[in-house]
Amino acid sequence: MSSPTRVDNIDMGATVWMIASTALVFLMIPGLGYFYSGMVRSKNALSLVFLCMMALAVVTVQWVVWGYSLALSETSSNGFIGDLSHWLYLNVDYRPHPNAPTVPGVVFATYQCMFAALTPGLAIGGAAERIRVLPTIVYIFIWTTVVYDPIAYWVWAPNGWLTKLGVLDFAGGCAVETASGFAALAFYFVLGKRRGFGEEKWQPHNHLNIILGFAFLFFGWFGFNAGGASLVSGRAGIAFMTTNIAAAVAGIVWVALAFWQQRRFSSFHFCSGAVAGMVCVTPAASLVSTWAAFPMGAVAGLFCFYAVELSLRLGIDDCIDVFAVHGVGGVLGVMLTGVFADKHVIGLDAGVVVAGGLINGNAHQLLIQLAAASASAAWSFGVSYVVLRAMNCVPIFRFRVDAAAEDHGLDFTELGEAGYSFVRDLALGHAHSPTAKLSSKHQITEAPTIQHPHDSRPVLKGSPSSGTIADHTPY
């Protein structure tokens, strides 16, 4: 029997590092679920963890069927979308991809699969506590095909139009962060606000889940940002450190701003700020000197903090702040990469020659970065909105749960399970109460208050609403 063709330039160290990084990025997916679950009410916690893990399963199938080929095909001649030369992982084996010439193609493809699986999980956070499971599963498959794959192709495929334009986006400022943030905003415009938003006061139900999920995200982000960088040149080490610095600085800035407003410290604020810092540095991770992570983290902490404030003042119900942190942070990161990209750092890899960013006197790079951020945001929001509206027209794919289901919680009504036994018992008791069968409208017996977890403004009392069902279950 003849042996398989040998590829001489495969590097064992780079291959092992990318496999390890794939596992690190995988860990971000349940981490995201736990992070989200702690930020919502306990009756909806399990559904978010479940949807994040379902996103991994659905996107894995999509990626093998055609997603990888559409997003990263090196043989497509057009600048918009890949061909189907690698559908069903055809010829995805030991032969390397141009984007990772020293690792087997199947390793690179699987690493990129984790990126694709994480992104819709980020986006669905914008619809937390009011979204049905079945249409969400279908939507994840469609969204990855028509939103994530094209943007990834533009930015990372050898013939993508933004690649040819000269965009600098190392680890996902456009396809992951900006795309997920603006898709979450589209969810808000289609689904509307949660029942009781602006009237009742809700807080994260489990800060330990938030910290646990954040820790998984932080740990996995090192693989996310450094997994594709060169070990030999040291750029993987640079990406590792810029990720750490940006998270630390943004977390400190966010906590300081919150303390200035509220006169108390908050673990929740620190976690949100640190995530914003990592989002912002993602497109620049191995393209900048380590010192650049300080201003990038500070800008992310400042701008994303006030983006949350602005969203609240505009009445946008994004309970997990996906748009403010990932959408705004992603755009900031793409733009700041155009400022701080350092040709000397990028040139550490042999044969790589670029003009760098503004710090190297290349102001034109800012225009390219602006085009990339604008195109990614517009495509993600526009296509997401159209797909959501179209699916909503089909009864079986209607996204929003009914009023009674929203009151009882998605864990019980959509999954028939609960993350906590007391939530199950409360839901069962509420579902079996005589008043629960009278109407899908809820009744608030006194004027309650609601406040977003990040909102430090004085709470305004609402007016009672009418209806014939028992009041909201606050658990």
Protein backbone atom coordinates (compact mmCIF):
# COMPACT_ATOMS: atom_id res chain seq x y z
CA MET A 1 0.00 0.00 0.00
CA SER A 2 1.23 3.47 -0.82
CA SER A 3 1.60 5.91 2.04
CA PRO A 4 -0.17 9.28 2.03
CA THR A 5 1.64 12.18 0.47
CA ARG A 6 3.93 13.87 2.97
CA VAL A 7 3.70 17.61 3.56
CA ASP A 8 7.17 18.74 4.60
CA ASN A 9 6.27 22.13 6.01
CA ILE A 10 3.84 20.86 8.66
CA ASP A 11 5.12 22.03 12.05
CA MET A 12 4.40 19.74 14.99
CA GLY A 13 4.55 22.51 17.59
CA ALA A 14 2.18 24.77 15.67
CA THR A 15 -0.19 21.85 15.10
CA VAL A 16 -0.29 20.90 18.77
CA TRP A 17 -0.81 24.54 19.78
CA MET A 18 -3.73 24.94 17.38
CA ILE A 19 -5.34 21.71 18.62
CA ALA A 20 -4.97 22.95 22.21
CA SER A 21 -6.39 26.33 21.19
CA THR A 22 -9.36 24.59 19.59
CA ALA A 23 -10.10 23.01 22.97
CA LEU A 24 -9.71 26.41 24.66
CA VAL A 25 -12.19 28.06 22.32
CA PHE A 26 -14.57 25.13 22.83
CA LEU A 27 -14.50 25.89 26.55
CA MET A 28 -15.72 29.42 25.80
CA ILE A 29 -19.07 28.05 24.61
CA PRO A 30 -20.30 26.56 27.91
CA GLY A 31 -18.54 29.49 29.58
CA LEU A 32 -20.70 31.86 27.57
CA GLY A 33 -23.78 29.89 28.61
CA TYR A 34 -22.92 30.14 32.29
CA PHE A 35 -22.02 33.82 31.95
CA TYR A 36 -25.38 34.52 30.36
CA SER A 37 -27.31 32.28 32.73
CA GLY A 38 -26.13 34.18 35.78
CA MET A 39 -27.24 37.50 34.29
CA VAL A 40 -30.88 36.51 33.80
CA ARG A 41 -33.59 35.33 36.16
CA SER A 42 -33.25 31.81 37.50
CA LYS A 43 -36.29 30.56 35.58
CA ASN A 44 -34.45 31.21 32.29
CA ALA A 45 -30.92 30.17 33.24
CA LEU A 46 -30.87 26.64 31.86
CA SER A 47 -32.30 27.61 28.47
CA LEU A 48 -29.33 29.89 27.75
CA VAL A 49 -26.75 27.24 28.58
CA PHE A 50 -28.72 24.79 26.43
CA LEU A 51 -28.91 27.15 23.45
CA CYS A 52 -25.18 27.87 23.58
CA MET A 53 -24.43 24.13 23.50
CA MET A 54 -27.01 23.59 20.74
CA ALA A 55 -25.25 26.29 18.74
CA LEU A 56 -22.09 24.18 18.96
CA ALA A 57 -23.93 21.14 17.61
CA VAL A 58 -25.85 22.94 14.86
CA VAL A 59 -22.87 24.94 13.61
CA THR A 60 -20.62 21.86 13.63
CA VAL A 61 -23.02 20.19 11.19
CA GLN A 62 -23.37 23.37 9.13
CA TRP A 63 -19.60 23.89 9.08
CA VAL A 64 -18.89 20.41 7.76
CA VAL A 65 -21.73 20.46 5.22
CA TRP A 66 -20.75 23.76 3.63
CA GLY A 67 -19.88 26.45 6.16
CA TYR A 68 -16.12 25.98 6.08
CA SER A 69 -16.09 26.01 2.30
CA LEU A 70 -18.28 29.10 2.09
CA ALA A 71 -16.27 30.98 4.71
CA LEU A 72 -12.67 30.05 3.96
CA SER A 73 -12.48 28.51 0.49
CA GLU A 74 -9.14 29.31 -1.14
CA THR A 75 -10.38 28.36 -4.61
CA SER A 76 -13.34 30.73 -5.01
CA SER A 77 -12.58 33.50 -7.47
CA ASN A 78 -15.20 36.01 -6.31
CA GLY A 79 -14.73 38.40 -3.42
CA PHE A 80 -18.08 37.85 -1.70
CA ILE A 81 -18.51 34.17 -0.81
CA GLY A 82 -16.64 30.90 -1.09
CA ASP A 83 -17.44 28.02 -3.39
CA LEU A 84 -18.35 24.47 -2.38
CA SER A 85 -14.97 22.92 -3.11
CA HIS A 86 -14.73 21.71 0.50
CA TRP A 87 -18.36 20.76 1.13
CA LEU A 88 -18.64 17.77 3.49
CA TYR A 89 -14.96 18.48 4.29
CA LEU A 90 -13.88 17.33 0.84
CA ASN A 91 -10.07 17.54 0.63
CA VAL A 92 -9.90 18.86 4.17
CA ASP A 93 -7.10 16.64 5.42
CA TYR A 94 -3.33 16.89 5.83
CA ARG A 95 -3.00 19.59 3.17
CA PRO A 96 -2.65 23.02 4.81
CA HIS A 97 -4.80 26.06 4.17
CA PRO A 98 -3.05 29.26 2.99
CA ASN A 99 -4.06 30.96 6.24
CA ALA A 100 -2.26 28.28 8.27
CA PRO A 101 0.51 26.87 6.07
CA THR A 102 2.25 24.90 8.83
CA VAL A 103 -0.70 22.90 10.21
CA PRO A 104 -2.90 20.24 8.59
CA GLY A 105 -6.02 21.66 6.95
CA VAL A 106 -8.37 19.59 9.09
CA VAL A 107 -6.85 21.09 12.26
CA PHE A 108 -7.27 24.63 10.95
CA ALA A 109 -10.84 23.91 9.81
CA THR A 110 -11.83 22.51 13.20
CA TYR A 111 -10.23 25.46 15.00
CA GLN A 112 -12.26 27.82 12.83
CA CYS A 113 -15.40 25.75 13.53
CA MET A 114 -15.19 26.76 17.19
CA PHE A 115 -15.19 30.44 16.17
CA ALA A 116 -18.26 29.89 14.03
CA ALA A 117 -20.05 27.99 16.82
CA LEU A 118 -19.38 30.65 19.44
CA THR A 119 -20.67 33.57 17.37
CA PRO A 120 -24.43 32.79 17.16
CA GLY A 121 -24.31 31.92 20.86
CA LEU A 122 -23.20 35.49 21.48
CA ALA A 123 -25.96 36.90 19.28
CA ILE A 124 -28.89 35.04 20.85
CA GLY A 125 -28.08 36.62 24.20
CA GLY A 126 -29.86 39.71 22.90
CA ALA A 127 -33.12 37.75 22.88
CA ALA A 128 -32.72 36.20 26.33
CA GLU A 129 -35.81 35.38 28.40
CA ARG A 130 -38.30 35.62 25.55
CA ILE A 131 -37.22 33.35 22.70
CA ARG A 132 -38.48 29.92 21.62
CA VAL A 133 -36.01 27.08 21.18
CA LEU A 134 -37.16 25.49 17.89
CA PRO A 135 -36.95 28.59 15.67
CA THR A 136 -33.69 29.57 17.35
CA ILE A 137 -32.09 26.28 16.36
CA VAL A 138 -33.18 26.74 12.74
CA TYR A 139 -32.11 30.38 12.82
CA ILE A 140 -28.60 29.47 14.01
CA PHE A 141 -28.09 27.28 10.93
CA ILE A 142 -29.42 29.95 8.56
CA TRP A 143 -27.62 32.85 10.28
CA THR A 144 -24.26 31.12 10.18
CA THR A 145 -24.72 30.49 6.45
CA VAL A 146 -25.91 33.93 5.37
CA VAL A 147 -24.23 36.23 7.90
CA TYR A 148 -21.16 34.69 9.54
CA ASP A 149 -19.81 32.82 6.52
CA PRO A 150 -19.87 35.78 4.09
CA ILE A 151 -18.25 38.18 6.58
CA ALA A 152 -15.60 35.61 7.49
CA TYR A 153 -14.89 35.13 3.78
CA TRP A 154 -14.56 38.88 3.18
CA VAL A 155 -12.04 39.27 5.97
CA TRP A 156 -10.07 36.01 6.10
CA ALA A 157 -10.35 34.12 2.79
CA PRO A 158 -7.46 34.70 0.38
CA ASN A 159 -9.80 36.20 -2.25
CA GLY A 160 -12.21 38.03 0.07
CA TRP A 161 -12.82 41.62 -0.95
CA LEU A 162 -11.73 43.03 2.41
CA THR A 163 -8.65 40.80 2.40
CA LYS A 164 -7.66 42.23 -0.96
CA LEU A 165 -8.41 45.73 0.33
CA GLY A 166 -5.86 45.13 3.09
CA VAL A 167 -8.03 44.85 6.20
CA LEU A 168 -6.31 43.97 9.47
CA ASP A 169 -8.46 41.70 11.63
CA PHE A 170 -6.53 38.94 13.28
CA ALA A 171 -9.06 37.02 15.37
CA GLY A 172 -12.61 38.13 14.67
CA GLY A 173 -13.38 41.80 15.21
CA CYS A 174 -15.68 41.74 12.16
CA ALA A 175 -17.04 38.21 11.75
CA VAL A 176 -17.39 37.39 15.45
CA GLU A 177 -17.73 40.51 17.58
CA THR A 178 -19.30 43.10 15.28
CA ALA A 179 -21.53 40.53 13.58
CA SER A 180 -22.86 39.07 16.84
CA GLY A 181 -23.45 42.48 18.41
CA PHE A 182 -25.47 43.86 15.52
CA ALA A 183 -27.38 40.59 15.14
CA ALA A 184 -28.38 40.94 18.79
CA LEU A 185 -29.65 44.44 18.03
CA ALA A 186 -31.76 43.02 15.20
CA PHE A 187 -33.28 40.56 17.69
CA TYR A 188 -34.42 43.47 19.84
CA PHE A 189 -36.14 45.25 16.95
CA VAL A 190 -37.98 42.08 15.95
CA LEU A 191 -38.88 40.63 19.36
CA GLY A 192 -39.32 43.82 21.34
CA LYS A 193 -38.87 44.19 25.08
CA ARG A 194 -39.46 41.64 27.79
CA ARG A 195 -42.74 41.85 29.68
CA GLY A 196 -42.33 44.21 32.59
CA PHE A 197 -39.26 45.96 31.19
CA GLY A 198 -39.30 49.50 32.61
CA GLU A 199 -41.73 48.55 35.39
CA GLU A 200 -40.08 45.91 37.57
CA LYS A 201 -36.67 45.54 39.11
CA TRP A 202 -34.65 42.50 38.04
CA GLN A 203 -31.11 41.64 39.02
CA PRO A 204 -28.71 38.87 37.93
CA HIS A 205 -29.83 35.80 39.81
CA ASN A 206 -26.41 34.18 40.27
CA HIS A 207 -23.21 36.19 40.40
CA LEU A 208 -21.19 33.02 40.94
CA ASN A 209 -22.39 31.74 37.54
CA ILE A 210 -21.33 35.05 36.02
CA ILE A 211 -17.84 34.78 37.48
CA LEU A 212 -17.53 31.09 36.58
CA GLY A 213 -18.65 31.72 33.00
CA PHE A 214 -16.36 34.73 32.75
CA ALA A 215 -13.41 32.65 33.98
CA PHE A 216 -14.06 30.07 31.25
CA LEU A 217 -14.35 32.86 28.67
CA PHE A 218 -11.14 34.51 29.86
CA PHE A 219 -9.26 31.21 29.84
CA GLY A 220 -10.57 30.23 26.42
CA TRP A 221 -9.92 33.66 24.94
CA PHE A 222 -6.17 33.01 25.09
CA GLY A 223 -6.69 30.25 22.54
CA PHE A 224 -9.17 32.40 20.61
CA ASN A 225 -6.67 35.23 20.15
CA ALA A 226 -3.35 33.40 20.18
CA GLY A 227 -4.21 30.06 18.58
CA GLY A 228 -3.58 31.19 15.03
CA ALA A 229 -0.42 33.18 15.77
CA SER A 230 3.11 31.96 15.21
CA LEU A 231 4.95 30.38 18.14
CA VAL A 232 8.35 30.69 16.49
CA SER A 233 8.18 34.45 15.88
CA GLY A 234 6.71 35.19 19.29
CA ARG A 235 3.47 36.65 17.98
CA ALA A 236 1.46 34.01 19.85
CA GLY A 237 3.04 35.26 23.06
CA ILE A 238 2.19 38.84 22.10
CA ALA A 239 -1.44 37.89 21.46
CA PHE A 240 -1.56 36.09 24.80
CA MET A 241 -0.31 39.14 26.67
CA THR A 242 -2.36 41.76 24.83
CA THR A 243 -5.47 39.75 25.65
CA ASN A 244 -4.55 39.70 29.33
CA ILE A 245 -3.66 43.39 29.50
CA ALA A 246 -6.75 44.63 27.66
CA ALA A 247 -9.04 42.56 29.89
CA ALA A 248 -7.35 43.80 33.05
CA VAL A 249 -7.38 47.48 32.07
CA ALA A 250 -10.97 47.47 30.77
CA GLY A 251 -12.18 45.63 33.88
CA ILE A 252 -10.53 48.20 36.14
CA VAL A 253 -11.91 51.14 34.13
CA TRP A 254 -15.46 49.71 34.16
CA VAL A 255 -15.35 49.05 37.92
CA ALA A 256 -14.02 52.56 38.54
CA LEU A 257 -16.82 54.14 36.49
CA ALA A 258 -19.44 52.04 38.26
CA PHE A 259 -17.97 52.89 41.67
CA TRP A 260 -18.01 56.56 40.79
CA GLN A 261 -21.73 56.31 40.03
CA GLN A 262 -22.88 53.83 42.69
CA ARG A 263 -20.24 54.06 45.44
CA ARG A 264 -19.82 50.31 45.61
CA PHE A 265 -17.80 47.63 43.90
CA SER A 266 -19.38 44.95 41.73
CA SER A 267 -18.07 41.62 40.46
CA PHE A 268 -20.60 41.87 37.64
CA HIS A 269 -19.16 45.18 36.46
CA PHE A 270 -15.63 43.82 36.50
CA CYS A 271 -16.58 40.79 34.39
CA SER A 272 -18.45 42.92 31.86
CA GLY A 273 -15.56 45.35 31.57
CA ALA A 274 -12.95 42.64 31.14
CA VAL A 275 -15.01 40.98 28.40
CA ALA A 276 -15.28 44.37 26.63
CA GLY A 277 -11.49 44.67 26.76
CA MET A 278 -10.97 41.24 25.22
CA VAL A 279 -13.55 41.99 22.54
CA CYS A 280 -11.76 45.20 21.61
CA VAL A 281 -8.28 43.68 21.41
CA THR A 282 -9.42 40.60 19.45
CA PRO A 283 -8.84 42.00 15.93
CA ALA A 284 -5.47 43.43 17.00
CA ALA A 285 -4.20 40.66 19.27
CA SER A 286 -0.96 39.76 17.47
CA LEU A 287 -0.75 42.84 15.25
CA VAL A 288 0.19 45.38 17.93
CA SER A 289 2.88 45.84 20.54
CA THR A 290 1.88 44.82 24.05
CA TRP A 291 1.79 48.44 25.26
CA ALA A 292 -1.06 49.16 22.81
CA ALA A 293 -3.34 46.89 24.84
CA PHE A 294 -3.39 49.52 27.61
CA PRO A 295 -5.11 52.28 25.60
CA MET A 296 -7.28 49.74 23.79
CA GLY A 297 -8.50 48.29 27.08
CA ALA A 298 -9.10 51.75 28.55
CA VAL A 299 -11.09 52.92 25.52
CA ALA A 300 -13.14 49.71 25.51
CA GLY A 301 -13.97 50.01 29.21
CA LEU A 302 -15.00 53.65 28.82
CA PHE A 303 -16.99 53.46 25.58
CA CYS A 304 -18.72 50.15 26.24
CA PHE A 305 -19.73 51.26 29.75
CA TYR A 306 -21.45 54.33 28.36
CA ALA A 307 -22.86 52.33 25.45
CA VAL A 308 -24.76 50.31 28.06
CA GLU A 309 -25.97 53.54 29.63
CA LEU A 310 -27.08 54.91 26.26
CA SER A 311 -28.92 51.69 25.39
CA LEU A 312 -30.86 51.95 28.63
CA ARG A 313 -31.78 55.57 28.03
CA LEU A 314 -33.02 54.65 24.56
CA GLY A 315 -35.15 51.88 26.07
CA ILE A 316 -33.33 49.06 24.29
CA ASP A 317 -33.91 45.80 26.16
CA ASP A 318 -30.63 43.94 25.68
CA CYS A 319 -30.43 42.33 29.10
CA ILE A 320 -27.01 40.82 28.43
CA ASP A 321 -25.55 43.91 26.74
CA VAL A 322 -24.46 42.00 23.63
CA PHE A 323 -24.75 45.04 21.40
CA ALA A 324 -23.04 47.44 23.82
CA VAL A 325 -20.15 45.10 24.59
CA HIS A 326 -19.65 43.02 21.44
CA GLY A 327 -21.13 45.32 18.79
CA VAL A 328 -19.62 48.57 20.04
CA GLY A 329 -16.49 46.85 21.34
CA GLY A 330 -16.00 45.02 18.05
CA VAL A 331 -16.25 48.20 15.98
CA LEU A 332 -13.88 49.98 18.37
CA GLY A 333 -11.42 47.12 18.10
CA VAL A 334 -11.44 47.09 14.31
CA MET A 335 -10.88 50.86 14.21
CA LEU A 336 -8.18 50.89 16.90
CA THR A 337 -6.36 48.12 15.05
CA GLY A 338 -5.98 50.65 12.26
CA VAL A 339 -4.37 52.99 14.77
CA PHE A 340 -2.04 50.67 16.69
CA ALA A 341 -1.12 47.95 14.15
CA ASP A 342 2.67 47.83 14.15
CA LYS A 343 4.50 46.78 11.02
CA HIS A 344 7.48 45.67 13.10
CA VAL A 345 5.35 43.26 15.14
CA ILE A 346 3.58 41.89 12.07
CA GLY A 347 6.94 41.61 10.31
CA LEU A 348 8.21 39.19 12.95
CA ASP A 349 6.75 36.47 10.72
CA ALA A 350 9.19 35.95 7.87
CA GLY A 351 7.95 37.23 4.54
CA VAL A 352 5.11 39.35 5.97
CA VAL A 353 5.36 42.99 4.95
CA VAL A 354 2.59 45.49 5.71
CA ALA A 355 2.46 49.25 6.12
CA GLY A 356 1.04 49.04 9.65
CA GLY A 357 -1.43 51.50 11.10
CA LEU A 358 -1.54 55.14 12.07
CA ILE A 359 1.40 54.80 14.47
CA ASN A 360 3.51 53.85 11.42
CA GLY A 361 2.22 56.86 9.48
CA ASN A 362 -0.34 54.85 7.48
CA ALA A 363 -3.55 56.83 7.98
CA HIS A 364 -5.11 55.11 4.96
CA GLN A 365 -5.44 51.94 7.05
CA LEU A 366 -8.12 53.68 9.11
CA LEU A 367 -10.31 54.05 6.02
CA ILE A 368 -9.94 50.35 5.24
CA GLN A 369 -10.83 49.45 8.82
CA LEU A 370 -13.85 51.77 8.69
CA ALA A 371 -15.04 50.06 5.51
CA ALA A 372 -14.68 46.64 7.15
CA ALA A 373 -16.48 47.60 10.35
CA SER A 374 -19.29 49.38 8.49
CA ALA A 375 -19.83 46.58 5.98
CA SER A 376 -19.84 43.90 8.70
CA ALA A 377 -22.25 45.84 10.93
CA ALA A 378 -24.62 46.70 8.09
CA TRP A 379 -24.64 43.18 6.65
CA SER A 380 -25.17 41.51 10.01
CA PHE A 381 -27.96 43.82 11.14
CA GLY A 382 -29.73 43.96 7.77
CA VAL A 383 -29.64 40.27 6.91
CA SER A 384 -30.40 39.21 10.50
CA TYR A 385 -33.42 41.49 10.56
CA VAL A 386 -34.75 40.17 7.24
CA VAL A 387 -34.28 36.52 8.25
CA LEU A 388 -35.94 37.07 11.63
CA ARG A 389 -38.90 38.86 10.07
CA ALA A 390 -39.31 36.20 7.38
CA MET A 391 -39.19 33.33 9.86
CA ASN A 392 -41.63 35.14 12.15
CA CYS A 393 -44.22 35.03 9.38
CA VAL A 394 -44.36 31.22 9.67
CA PRO A 395 -46.32 30.21 12.79
CA ILE A 396 -44.09 27.26 13.68
CA PHE A 397 -41.05 29.53 13.51
CA ARG A 398 -42.53 32.39 15.51
CA PHE A 399 -39.69 33.46 17.78
CA ARG A 400 -41.31 34.98 20.83
CA VAL A 401 -42.92 32.83 23.51
CA ASP A 402 -46.44 33.76 24.60
CA ALA A 403 -47.10 35.82 27.70
CA ALA A 404 -47.84 32.90 30.01
CA ALA A 405 -44.68 31.07 28.93
CA GLU A 406 -42.61 34.19 29.51
CA ASP A 407 -44.08 34.50 33.01
CA HIS A 408 -43.38 30.88 33.89
CA GLY A 409 -39.88 30.92 32.44
CA LEU A 410 -38.30 29.36 29.38
CA ASP A 411 -36.66 26.55 31.29
CA PHE A 412 -40.02 25.12 32.30
CA THR A 413 -42.10 25.98 29.23
CA GLU A 414 -39.55 25.31 26.48
CA LEU A 415 -37.43 22.55 28.02
CA GLY A 416 -39.67 21.04 30.67
CA GLU A 417 -36.67 21.26 32.98
CA ALA A 418 -35.16 23.73 35.40
CA GLY A 419 -31.69 24.69 36.49
CA TYR A 420 -32.86 24.79 40.09
CA SER A 421 -35.42 22.60 41.85
CA PHE A 422 -37.15 25.54 43.55
CA VAL A 423 -37.74 27.16 40.17
CA ARG A 424 -39.41 23.99 38.91
CA ASP A 425 -41.62 23.84 42.00
CA LEU A 426 -42.60 27.51 41.68
CA ALA A 427 -43.33 27.13 37.97
CA LEU A 428 -45.48 24.07 38.56
CA GLY A 429 -47.37 25.82 41.32
CA HIS A 430 -47.88 28.91 39.18
CA ALA A 431 -48.99 26.86 36.18
CA HIS A 432 -51.55 24.99 38.27
CA SER A 433 -53.02 28.05 39.96
CA PRO A 434 -56.61 28.83 38.91
CA THR A 435 -55.80 32.37 37.81
CA ALA A 436 -53.07 31.19 35.47
CA LYS A 437 -55.65 29.72 33.10
CA LEU A 438 -57.77 32.81 32.66
CA SER A 439 -55.77 34.91 30.23
CA SER A 440 -52.39 35.38 28.64
CA LYS A 441 -52.26 38.95 30.01
CA HIS A 442 -50.55 39.54 33.32
CA GLN A 443 -51.64 41.75 36.16
CA ILE A 444 -49.35 43.86 38.30
CA THR A 445 -51.15 44.62 41.52
CA GLU A 446 -48.94 47.55 42.54
CA ALA A 447 -46.61 49.88 40.69
CA PRO A 448 -43.30 47.97 40.71
CA THR A 449 -39.90 49.06 39.46
CA ILE A 450 -37.39 47.59 37.10
CA GLN A 451 -33.78 48.36 36.65
CA HIS A 452 -31.19 46.89 34.32
CA PRO A 453 -28.33 45.29 36.27
CA HIS A 454 -25.94 47.98 34.99
CA ASP A 455 -28.37 50.85 35.48
CA SER A 456 -27.52 53.16 38.38
CA ARG A 457 -30.12 55.83 37.59
CA PRO A 458 -33.06 56.54 39.93
CA VAL A 459 -35.87 54.10 39.28
CA LEU A 460 -39.14 55.48 37.95
CA LYS A 461 -42.37 53.91 39.06
CA GLY A 462 -44.69 52.58 36.40
CA SER A 463 -48.44 52.38 36.38
CA PRO A 464 -50.37 49.20 37.02
CA SER A 465 -51.34 47.18 34.01
CA SER A 466 -54.58 45.34 33.59
CA GLY A 467 -55.22 41.67 33.00
CA THR A 468 -56.52 38.52 34.59
CA ILE A 469 -53.53 36.32 35.22
CA ALA A 470 -51.37 36.13 38.30
CA ASP A 471 -48.54 38.66 38.51
CA HIS A 472 -45.05 38.13 37.09
CA THR A 473 -43.00 35.44 38.73
CA PRO A 474 -39.81 37.31 39.74
CA TYR A 475 -37.62 34.28 40.36
